Amino acid sequence: MTEQNGALSRISNGAASVAGAAIIALVIIQLIIVILRYIFSFGIPWGLDLLVYLFFIQSLLPLPLVVLENHNVRVDILYQGYLPGKKAILDRFGLVFLLFPATGYAAYVSWRPMVNSWRLLETSPTLDGLPGYFLLKTLLFLIFAGIALVSLVLAMKKQPWVYEGKPEEEL
């Protein structure tokens, strides 16, 4: 990780830490819900909503960090043999012409449902569910917008990520 990513990196790392805590909470709460339901015959109507909220948080929050630190899964045949300069050109192309438009469009499309949800202070669609459904829609919008922002920040760098292997070639 380079220092150029500064604040973006700190925000992404903080979000990933929250996601890690959400995973632990998800497992513990699921265990409590199962014990209450099947041992004590006591159901919690909003329990499923809580699990869905936690799963949503733990799944989405780390995504900007995955892009920022290039922790994504690659299935490539040719890319691995390229020099760092050529990798940077290909990565920049992918960031600007594939990732940014896709996530930018997703953020654009999720904007209106998020605003409408805030206007209504939308609650869970399940009976006796948790309030704050509008917060999930907000998180979805923020994640898409965050990934779009990360893709632009990385695309403006000489080399979006640190490449291993052969010495750098000039761009």
N, C-alpha and C. Protein backbone atom coordinates (compact mmCIF):
# COMPACT_ATOMS: atom_id res chain seq x y z
N MET A 1 0.84 -1.17 0.00
CA MET A 1 0.00 0.00 0.00
C MET A 1 0.89 1.23 0.00
N THR A 2 0.63 2.17 -0.89
CA THR A 2 1.42 3.38 -0.95
C THR A 2 0.80 4.46 -0.10
N GLU A 3 1.61 5.45 0.26
CA GLU A 3 1.13 6.56 1.08
C GLU A 3 0.21 7.48 0.29
N GLN A 4 0.25 7.41 -1.05
CA GLN A 4 -0.58 8.29 -1.87
C GLN A 4 -2.06 8.04 -1.64
N ASN A 5 -2.41 6.87 -1.19
CA ASN A 5 -3.81 6.54 -1.00
C ASN A 5 -4.32 7.01 0.35
N GLY A 6 -3.47 7.46 1.23
CA GLY A 6 -3.73 8.04 2.54
C GLY A 6 -5.11 7.87 3.14
N ALA A 7 -5.94 8.89 3.01
CA ALA A 7 -7.26 8.91 3.65
C ALA A 7 -8.15 7.79 3.11
N LEU A 8 -8.07 7.57 1.82
CA LEU A 8 -8.88 6.51 1.21
C LEU A 8 -8.53 5.16 1.80
N SER A 9 -7.26 4.93 2.03
CA SER A 9 -6.80 3.68 2.62
C SER A 9 -7.27 3.55 4.07
N ARG A 10 -7.18 4.63 4.83
CA ARG A 10 -7.63 4.60 6.23
C ARG A 10 -9.12 4.32 6.32
N ILE A 11 -9.90 4.96 5.47
CA ILE A 11 -11.35 4.73 5.47
C ILE A 11 -11.65 3.28 5.09
N SER A 12 -10.99 2.78 4.06
CA SER A 12 -11.22 1.41 3.61
C SER A 12 -10.80 0.40 4.67
N ASN A 13 -9.67 0.64 5.31
CA ASN A 13 -9.22 -0.27 6.38
C ASN A 13 -10.18 -0.24 7.57
N GLY A 14 -10.68 0.94 7.90
CA GLY A 14 -11.66 1.04 8.98
C GLY A 14 -12.94 0.29 8.65
N ALA A 15 -13.39 0.42 7.40
CA ALA A 15 -14.59 -0.30 6.96
C ALA A 15 -14.37 -1.81 7.00
N ALA A 16 -13.19 -2.25 6.60
CA ALA A 16 -12.89 -3.68 6.64
C ALA A 16 -12.85 -4.19 8.08
N SER A 17 -12.37 -3.36 9.01
CA SER A 17 -12.38 -3.76 10.42
C SER A 17 -13.80 -3.90 10.95
N VAL A 18 -14.67 -2.98 10.57
CA VAL A 18 -16.08 -3.06 10.96
C VAL A 18 -16.69 -4.34 10.37
N ALA A 19 -16.34 -4.66 9.13
CA ALA A 19 -16.84 -5.88 8.49
C ALA A 19 -16.38 -7.12 9.25
N GLY A 20 -15.15 -7.10 9.72
CA GLY A 20 -14.64 -8.23 10.51
C GLY A 20 -15.41 -8.40 11.80
N ALA A 21 -15.72 -7.28 12.45
CA ALA A 21 -16.53 -7.34 13.67
C ALA A 21 -17.94 -7.82 13.37
N ALA A 22 -18.46 -7.45 12.20
CA ALA A 22 -19.81 -7.89 11.81
C ALA A 22 -19.85 -9.40 11.60
N ILE A 23 -18.76 -9.98 11.10
CA ILE A 23 -18.72 -11.43 10.92
C ILE A 23 -18.80 -12.14 12.27
N ILE A 24 -18.04 -11.64 13.23
CA ILE A 24 -18.06 -12.24 14.57
C ILE A 24 -19.45 -12.10 15.19
N ALA A 25 -20.02 -10.90 15.07
CA ALA A 25 -21.37 -10.67 15.61
C ALA A 25 -22.39 -11.56 14.91
N LEU A 26 -22.24 -11.73 13.61
CA LEU A 26 -23.15 -12.57 12.83
C LEU A 26 -23.16 -14.00 13.34
N VAL A 27 -21.99 -14.55 13.58
CA VAL A 27 -21.89 -15.93 14.06
C VAL A 27 -22.48 -16.07 15.47
N ILE A 28 -22.14 -15.14 16.35
CA ILE A 28 -22.63 -15.21 17.73
C ILE A 28 -24.15 -15.05 17.78
N ILE A 29 -24.68 -14.08 17.06
CA ILE A 29 -26.12 -13.83 17.07
C ILE A 29 -26.87 -15.00 16.43
N GLN A 30 -26.32 -15.56 15.36
CA GLN A 30 -26.97 -16.73 14.74
C GLN A 30 -27.03 -17.89 15.73
N LEU A 31 -25.96 -18.10 16.45
CA LEU A 31 -25.93 -19.16 17.46
C LEU A 31 -26.98 -18.91 18.55
N ILE A 32 -27.09 -17.68 19.01
CA ILE A 32 -28.09 -17.33 20.04
C ILE A 32 -29.50 -17.55 19.51
N ILE A 33 -29.75 -17.13 18.27
CA ILE A 33 -31.09 -17.31 17.68
C ILE A 33 -31.44 -18.79 17.57
N VAL A 34 -30.50 -19.60 17.14
CA VAL A 34 -30.75 -21.04 17.01
C VAL A 34 -31.02 -21.67 18.37
N ILE A 35 -30.23 -21.31 19.37
CA ILE A 35 -30.43 -21.85 20.72
C ILE A 35 -31.80 -21.43 21.26
N LEU A 36 -32.14 -20.16 21.11
CA LEU A 36 -33.44 -19.69 21.59
C LEU A 36 -34.60 -20.39 20.88
N ARG A 37 -34.46 -20.56 19.58
CA ARG A 37 -35.56 -21.14 18.83
C ARG A 37 -35.72 -22.64 19.08
N TYR A 38 -34.64 -23.38 19.02
CA TYR A 38 -34.75 -24.83 19.04
C TYR A 38 -34.60 -25.47 20.43
N ILE A 39 -34.04 -24.75 21.37
CA ILE A 39 -33.92 -25.31 22.72
C ILE A 39 -35.01 -24.73 23.63
N PHE A 40 -35.23 -23.42 23.51
CA PHE A 40 -36.19 -22.77 24.40
C PHE A 40 -37.52 -22.44 23.73
N SER A 41 -37.68 -22.79 22.46
CA SER A 41 -38.90 -22.52 21.68
C SER A 41 -39.31 -21.04 21.76
N PHE A 42 -38.34 -20.18 21.64
CA PHE A 42 -38.57 -18.74 21.71
C PHE A 42 -38.02 -18.10 20.44
N GLY A 43 -38.91 -17.50 19.65
CA GLY A 43 -38.48 -16.87 18.41
C GLY A 43 -38.30 -15.37 18.54
N ILE A 44 -37.41 -14.84 17.75
CA ILE A 44 -37.19 -13.39 17.72
C ILE A 44 -37.57 -12.93 16.31
N PRO A 45 -38.68 -12.20 16.16
CA PRO A 45 -39.15 -11.81 14.83
C PRO A 45 -38.12 -10.99 14.04
N TRP A 46 -37.37 -10.15 14.70
CA TRP A 46 -36.42 -9.30 14.01
C TRP A 46 -35.03 -9.95 13.89
N GLY A 47 -34.89 -11.16 14.38
CA GLY A 47 -33.58 -11.83 14.35
C GLY A 47 -33.05 -12.04 12.94
N LEU A 48 -33.93 -12.46 12.04
CA LEU A 48 -33.49 -12.68 10.66
C LEU A 48 -33.04 -11.37 10.01
N ASP A 49 -33.77 -10.30 10.30
CA ASP A 49 -33.36 -8.99 9.76
C ASP A 49 -31.98 -8.60 10.26
N LEU A 50 -31.73 -8.82 11.53
CA LEU A 50 -30.42 -8.48 12.09
C LEU A 50 -29.32 -9.27 11.39
N LEU A 51 -29.57 -10.53 11.13
CA LEU A 51 -28.58 -11.35 10.42
C LEU A 51 -28.37 -10.85 9.00
N VAL A 52 -29.45 -10.47 8.33
CA VAL A 52 -29.34 -9.94 6.97
C VAL A 52 -28.56 -8.63 6.98
N TYR A 53 -28.83 -7.74 7.93
CA TYR A 53 -28.11 -6.48 8.03
C TYR A 53 -26.61 -6.73 8.24
N LEU A 54 -26.30 -7.64 9.16
CA LEU A 54 -24.88 -7.95 9.43
C LEU A 54 -24.20 -8.58 8.22
N PHE A 55 -24.91 -9.47 7.53
CA PHE A 55 -24.33 -10.10 6.34
C PHE A 55 -24.08 -9.05 5.26
N PHE A 56 -25.01 -8.14 5.10
CA PHE A 56 -24.88 -7.05 4.13
C PHE A 56 -23.65 -6.21 4.45
N ILE A 57 -23.49 -5.87 5.72
CA ILE A 57 -22.34 -5.06 6.16
C ILE A 57 -21.03 -5.79 5.92
N GLN A 58 -20.97 -7.06 6.35
CA GLN A 58 -19.70 -7.78 6.22
C GLN A 58 -19.36 -8.12 4.78
N SER A 59 -20.35 -8.15 3.92
CA SER A 59 -20.08 -8.45 2.51
C SER A 59 -19.66 -7.22 1.72
N LEU A 60 -20.25 -6.07 2.02
CA LEU A 60 -20.01 -4.88 1.21
C LEU A 60 -18.87 -3.99 1.69
N LEU A 61 -18.70 -3.84 2.98
CA LEU A 61 -17.70 -2.89 3.48
C LEU A 61 -16.27 -3.14 3.00
N PRO A 62 -15.83 -4.39 2.86
CA PRO A 62 -14.45 -4.57 2.42
C PRO A 62 -14.21 -4.34 0.92
N LEU A 63 -15.25 -4.18 0.12
CA LEU A 63 -15.07 -4.10 -1.33
C LEU A 63 -14.15 -2.98 -1.81
N PRO A 64 -14.28 -1.74 -1.30
CA PRO A 64 -13.33 -0.72 -1.74
C PRO A 64 -11.87 -1.08 -1.40
N LEU A 65 -11.65 -1.71 -0.25
CA LEU A 65 -10.30 -2.12 0.13
C LEU A 65 -9.77 -3.20 -0.81
N VAL A 66 -10.64 -4.09 -1.23
CA VAL A 66 -10.24 -5.15 -2.17
C VAL A 66 -9.73 -4.53 -3.46
N VAL A 67 -10.43 -3.51 -3.95
CA VAL A 67 -10.00 -2.84 -5.18
C VAL A 67 -8.74 -2.02 -4.92
N LEU A 68 -8.71 -1.29 -3.82
CA LEU A 68 -7.59 -0.41 -3.51
C LEU A 68 -6.28 -1.18 -3.37
N GLU A 69 -6.34 -2.36 -2.76
CA GLU A 69 -5.12 -3.13 -2.53
C GLU A 69 -4.93 -4.28 -3.52
N ASN A 70 -5.77 -4.34 -4.54
CA ASN A 70 -5.65 -5.34 -5.61
C ASN A 70 -5.70 -6.77 -5.05
N HIS A 71 -6.66 -7.01 -4.16
CA HIS A 71 -6.81 -8.34 -3.58
C HIS A 71 -7.87 -9.16 -4.30
N ASN A 72 -8.21 -8.74 -5.51
CA ASN A 72 -9.22 -9.46 -6.25
C ASN A 72 -8.64 -10.74 -6.87
N VAL A 73 -9.52 -11.61 -7.30
CA VAL A 73 -9.10 -12.86 -7.92
C VAL A 73 -8.95 -12.62 -9.41
N ARG A 74 -7.83 -13.04 -9.95
CA ARG A 74 -7.59 -12.90 -11.38
C ARG A 74 -7.47 -14.28 -12.01
N VAL A 75 -8.12 -14.41 -13.14
CA VAL A 75 -7.96 -15.61 -13.94
C VAL A 75 -7.41 -15.12 -15.27
N ASP A 76 -6.10 -15.23 -15.41
CA ASP A 76 -5.48 -14.72 -16.63
C ASP A 76 -4.41 -15.68 -17.14
N ILE A 77 -4.18 -15.60 -18.40
CA ILE A 77 -3.16 -16.43 -19.02
C ILE A 77 -2.00 -15.56 -19.49
N LEU A 78 -2.32 -14.45 -20.10
CA LEU A 78 -1.30 -13.59 -20.68
C LEU A 78 -0.76 -12.55 -19.69
N TYR A 79 -1.61 -12.01 -18.86
CA TYR A 79 -1.28 -10.90 -17.97
C TYR A 79 -0.08 -11.20 -17.08
N GLN A 80 0.02 -12.42 -16.55
CA GLN A 80 1.08 -12.74 -15.60
C GLN A 80 2.48 -12.60 -16.20
N GLY A 81 2.61 -12.72 -17.51
CA GLY A 81 3.92 -12.61 -18.15
C GLY A 81 4.27 -11.21 -18.58
N TYR A 82 3.35 -10.27 -18.47
CA TYR A 82 3.61 -8.90 -18.92
C TYR A 82 4.53 -8.16 -17.97
N LEU A 83 5.24 -7.19 -18.52
CA LEU A 83 6.06 -6.31 -17.71
C LEU A 83 5.15 -5.35 -16.93
N PRO A 84 5.64 -4.81 -15.83
CA PRO A 84 4.81 -3.92 -15.01
C PRO A 84 4.21 -2.74 -15.78
N GLY A 85 4.92 -2.19 -16.74
CA GLY A 85 4.37 -1.07 -17.50
C GLY A 85 3.15 -1.46 -18.30
N LYS A 86 3.20 -2.61 -18.93
CA LYS A 86 2.05 -3.08 -19.70
C LYS A 86 0.90 -3.46 -18.77
N LYS A 87 1.22 -4.04 -17.62
CA LYS A 87 0.18 -4.35 -16.63
C LYS A 87 -0.52 -3.07 -16.19
N ALA A 88 0.26 -2.00 -15.97
CA ALA A 88 -0.32 -0.73 -15.53
C ALA A 88 -1.27 -0.17 -16.58
N ILE A 89 -0.88 -0.27 -17.85
CA ILE A 89 -1.75 0.23 -18.92
C ILE A 89 -3.05 -0.57 -18.97
N LEU A 90 -2.95 -1.89 -18.89
CA LEU A 90 -4.15 -2.73 -18.90
C LEU A 90 -5.02 -2.48 -17.68
N ASP A 91 -4.39 -2.35 -16.52
CA ASP A 91 -5.15 -2.09 -15.30
C ASP A 91 -5.85 -0.74 -15.36
N ARG A 92 -5.16 0.25 -15.86
CA ARG A 92 -5.76 1.58 -15.98
C ARG A 92 -6.94 1.54 -16.93
N PHE A 93 -6.80 0.83 -18.04
CA PHE A 93 -7.91 0.67 -18.98
C PHE A 93 -9.11 0.02 -18.29
N GLY A 94 -8.86 -1.05 -17.55
CA GLY A 94 -9.94 -1.74 -16.85
C GLY A 94 -10.60 -0.87 -15.79
N LEU A 95 -9.78 -0.08 -15.08
CA LEU A 95 -10.32 0.80 -14.06
C LEU A 95 -11.20 1.90 -14.64
N VAL A 96 -10.73 2.52 -15.74
CA VAL A 96 -11.44 3.67 -16.31
C VAL A 96 -12.61 3.25 -17.19
N PHE A 97 -12.44 2.20 -17.98
CA PHE A 97 -13.47 1.85 -18.96
C PHE A 97 -14.36 0.67 -18.57
N LEU A 98 -14.02 -0.03 -17.50
CA LEU A 98 -14.87 -1.14 -17.06
C LEU A 98 -15.39 -0.93 -15.64
N LEU A 99 -14.48 -0.82 -14.67
CA LEU A 99 -14.91 -0.73 -13.28
C LEU A 99 -15.62 0.59 -12.97
N PHE A 100 -15.03 1.71 -13.39
CA PHE A 100 -15.66 3.01 -13.09
C PHE A 100 -17.05 3.13 -13.71
N PRO A 101 -17.24 2.83 -14.98
CA PRO A 101 -18.60 2.96 -15.53
C PRO A 101 -19.60 2.00 -14.86
N ALA A 102 -19.17 0.79 -14.56
CA ALA A 102 -20.09 -0.18 -13.95
C ALA A 102 -20.51 0.27 -12.55
N THR A 103 -19.55 0.65 -11.73
CA THR A 103 -19.89 1.05 -10.37
C THR A 103 -20.51 2.45 -10.33
N GLY A 104 -20.08 3.32 -11.24
CA GLY A 104 -20.71 4.64 -11.33
C GLY A 104 -22.18 4.53 -11.72
N TYR A 105 -22.47 3.66 -12.67
CA TYR A 105 -23.86 3.44 -13.07
C TYR A 105 -24.66 2.81 -11.93
N ALA A 106 -24.06 1.85 -11.24
CA ALA A 106 -24.74 1.22 -10.11
C ALA A 106 -25.04 2.26 -9.02
N ALA A 107 -24.11 3.16 -8.77
CA ALA A 107 -24.35 4.23 -7.78
C ALA A 107 -25.47 5.15 -8.27
N TYR A 108 -25.44 5.49 -9.55
CA TYR A 108 -26.46 6.36 -10.12
C TYR A 108 -27.84 5.71 -10.01
N VAL A 109 -27.95 4.44 -10.34
CA VAL A 109 -29.22 3.73 -10.30
C VAL A 109 -29.71 3.54 -8.86
N SER A 110 -28.80 3.40 -7.91
CA SER A 110 -29.21 3.19 -6.52
C SER A 110 -29.51 4.50 -5.79
N TRP A 111 -29.23 5.64 -6.41
CA TRP A 111 -29.45 6.92 -5.77
C TRP A 111 -30.93 7.18 -5.47
N ARG A 112 -31.80 7.06 -6.48
CA ARG A 112 -33.22 7.37 -6.29
C ARG A 112 -33.89 6.44 -5.27
N PRO A 113 -33.67 5.11 -5.33
CA PRO A 113 -34.26 4.27 -4.28
C PRO A 113 -33.76 4.64 -2.87
N MET A 114 -32.50 5.05 -2.79
CA MET A 114 -31.97 5.45 -1.49
C MET A 114 -32.66 6.73 -0.99
N VAL A 115 -32.81 7.71 -1.86
CA VAL A 115 -33.47 8.96 -1.47
C VAL A 115 -34.92 8.70 -1.09
N ASN A 116 -35.63 7.90 -1.87
CA ASN A 116 -37.02 7.57 -1.55
C ASN A 116 -37.12 6.82 -0.22
N SER A 117 -36.18 5.95 0.02
CA SER A 117 -36.16 5.19 1.26
C SER A 117 -35.95 6.11 2.46
N TRP A 118 -35.09 7.11 2.31
CA TRP A 118 -34.87 8.09 3.38
C TRP A 118 -36.11 8.94 3.58
N ARG A 119 -36.78 9.28 2.48
CA ARG A 119 -37.98 10.11 2.58
C ARG A 119 -39.04 9.41 3.42
N LEU A 120 -39.14 8.09 3.25
CA LEU A 120 -40.14 7.30 3.98
C LEU A 120 -39.61 6.76 5.31
N LEU A 121 -38.30 6.89 5.53
CA LEU A 121 -37.63 6.23 6.65
C LEU A 121 -38.06 4.75 6.68
N GLU A 122 -37.81 4.13 5.54
CA GLU A 122 -38.26 2.76 5.27
C GLU A 122 -37.77 1.78 6.33
N THR A 123 -38.67 0.90 6.72
CA THR A 123 -38.33 -0.15 7.68
C THR A 123 -38.27 -1.48 6.94
N SER A 124 -37.98 -2.52 7.66
CA SER A 124 -37.86 -3.84 7.08
C SER A 124 -39.16 -4.29 6.43
N PRO A 125 -39.07 -5.02 5.32
CA PRO A 125 -40.29 -5.54 4.69
C PRO A 125 -40.91 -6.70 5.46
N THR A 126 -40.20 -7.28 6.41
CA THR A 126 -40.75 -8.39 7.18
C THR A 126 -41.57 -7.86 8.37
N LEU A 127 -42.56 -8.62 8.76
CA LEU A 127 -43.42 -8.26 9.86
C LEU A 127 -42.60 -8.19 11.16
N ASP A 128 -42.74 -7.13 11.90
CA ASP A 128 -41.99 -6.90 13.14
C ASP A 128 -40.48 -6.90 12.92
N GLY A 129 -40.07 -6.48 11.73
CA GLY A 129 -38.65 -6.43 11.42
C GLY A 129 -37.98 -5.19 11.98
N LEU A 130 -36.70 -5.11 11.78
CA LEU A 130 -35.92 -3.98 12.29
C LEU A 130 -36.17 -2.72 11.47
N PRO A 131 -36.14 -1.57 12.12
CA PRO A 131 -36.19 -0.32 11.36
C PRO A 131 -34.82 -0.07 10.71
N GLY A 132 -34.76 0.94 9.88
CA GLY A 132 -33.47 1.32 9.32
C GLY A 132 -33.12 0.65 8.01
N TYR A 133 -34.13 0.18 7.29
CA TYR A 133 -33.86 -0.44 5.98
C TYR A 133 -33.22 0.58 5.04
N PHE A 134 -33.55 1.85 5.24
CA PHE A 134 -32.99 2.93 4.44
C PHE A 134 -31.47 3.01 4.61
N LEU A 135 -30.96 2.57 5.75
CA LEU A 135 -29.51 2.60 5.98
C LEU A 135 -28.79 1.57 5.08
N LEU A 136 -29.44 0.43 4.84
CA LEU A 136 -28.84 -0.56 3.94
C LEU A 136 -28.77 -0.02 2.52
N LYS A 137 -29.81 0.66 2.08
CA LYS A 137 -29.81 1.25 0.74
C LYS A 137 -28.75 2.34 0.64
N THR A 138 -28.56 3.07 1.72
CA THR A 138 -27.51 4.09 1.75
C THR A 138 -26.14 3.45 1.66
N LEU A 139 -25.94 2.38 2.40
CA LEU A 139 -24.66 1.67 2.36
C LEU A 139 -24.37 1.15 0.96
N LEU A 140 -25.39 0.62 0.31
CA LEU A 140 -25.21 0.12 -1.06
C LEU A 140 -24.75 1.24 -1.99
N PHE A 141 -25.42 2.38 -1.91
CA PHE A 141 -25.02 3.52 -2.73
C PHE A 141 -23.59 3.96 -2.42
N LEU A 142 -23.26 4.07 -1.13
CA LEU A 142 -21.93 4.53 -0.74
C LEU A 142 -20.83 3.57 -1.19
N ILE A 143 -21.10 2.28 -1.15
CA ILE A 143 -20.10 1.31 -1.59
C ILE A 143 -19.86 1.44 -3.09
N PHE A 144 -20.94 1.53 -3.88
CA PHE A 144 -20.77 1.70 -5.32
C PHE A 144 -20.03 2.99 -5.64
N ALA A 145 -20.41 4.09 -4.98
CA ALA A 145 -19.75 5.37 -5.21
C ALA A 145 -18.29 5.30 -4.75
N GLY A 146 -18.05 4.62 -3.64
CA GLY A 146 -16.68 4.48 -3.13
C GLY A 146 -15.79 3.70 -4.07
N ILE A 147 -16.31 2.62 -4.62
CA ILE A 147 -15.51 1.83 -5.57
C ILE A 147 -15.26 2.64 -6.83
N ALA A 148 -16.24 3.40 -7.30
CA ALA A 148 -16.03 4.26 -8.47
C ALA A 148 -14.94 5.28 -8.19
N LEU A 149 -14.97 5.88 -7.00
CA LEU A 149 -13.94 6.85 -6.61
C LEU A 149 -12.56 6.19 -6.53
N VAL A 150 -12.49 5.02 -5.92
CA VAL A 150 -11.22 4.30 -5.81
C VAL A 150 -10.67 3.97 -7.20
N SER A 151 -11.55 3.59 -8.12
CA SER A 151 -11.07 3.25 -9.47
C SER A 151 -10.47 4.47 -10.16
N LEU A 152 -11.07 5.64 -9.97
CA LEU A 152 -10.51 6.86 -10.57
C LEU A 152 -9.19 7.25 -9.93
N VAL A 153 -9.12 7.15 -8.60
CA VAL A 153 -7.88 7.50 -7.90
C VAL A 153 -6.74 6.58 -8.36
N LEU A 154 -7.01 5.29 -8.45
CA LEU A 154 -5.98 4.35 -8.90
C LEU A 154 -5.60 4.59 -10.36
N ALA A 155 -6.57 4.92 -11.19
CA ALA A 155 -6.29 5.14 -12.61
C ALA A 155 -5.40 6.36 -12.85
N MET A 156 -5.42 7.31 -11.93
CA MET A 156 -4.60 8.52 -12.10
C MET A 156 -3.14 8.30 -11.70
N LYS A 157 -2.86 7.19 -11.06
CA LYS A 157 -1.48 6.91 -10.65
C LYS A 157 -0.68 6.33 -11.82
N LYS A 158 0.63 6.49 -11.77
CA LYS A 158 1.48 5.94 -12.82
C LYS A 158 1.31 4.43 -12.89
N GLN A 159 1.35 3.79 -11.75
CA GLN A 159 1.06 2.36 -11.66
C GLN A 159 -0.01 2.18 -10.60
N PRO A 160 -1.18 1.69 -11.00
CA PRO A 160 -2.27 1.57 -10.02
C PRO A 160 -1.90 0.72 -8.80
N TRP A 161 -1.12 -0.31 -9.00
CA TRP A 161 -0.73 -1.18 -7.90
C TRP A 161 0.75 -1.49 -8.00
N VAL A 162 1.33 -2.06 -6.96
CA VAL A 162 2.73 -2.49 -6.99
C VAL A 162 2.76 -3.86 -7.66
N TYR A 163 3.58 -3.97 -8.68
CA TYR A 163 3.66 -5.21 -9.44
C TYR A 163 4.91 -5.98 -9.06
N GLU A 164 4.76 -7.28 -8.92
CA GLU A 164 5.89 -8.14 -8.61
C GLU A 164 6.48 -8.67 -9.90
N GLY A 165 7.68 -9.16 -9.80
CA GLY A 165 8.29 -9.80 -10.96
C GLY A 165 9.40 -8.97 -11.56
N LYS A 166 9.38 -8.89 -12.89
CA LYS A 166 10.44 -8.22 -13.63
C LYS A 166 10.51 -6.74 -13.28
N PRO A 167 11.68 -6.12 -13.50
CA PRO A 167 11.83 -4.68 -13.20
C PRO A 167 10.84 -3.84 -14.00
N GLU A 168 10.56 -2.67 -13.48
CA GLU A 168 9.60 -1.78 -14.13
C GLU A 168 10.09 -1.36 -15.50
N GLU A 169 9.14 -1.22 -16.39
CA GLU A 169 9.43 -0.66 -17.70
C GLU A 169 8.79 0.73 -17.71
N GLU A 170 9.40 1.66 -18.40
CA GLU A 170 8.87 3.02 -18.43
C GLU A 170 7.54 3.03 -19.19
N LEU A 171 6.63 3.88 -18.71
CA LEU A 171 5.31 4.00 -19.36
C LEU A 171 5.35 5.04 -20.43
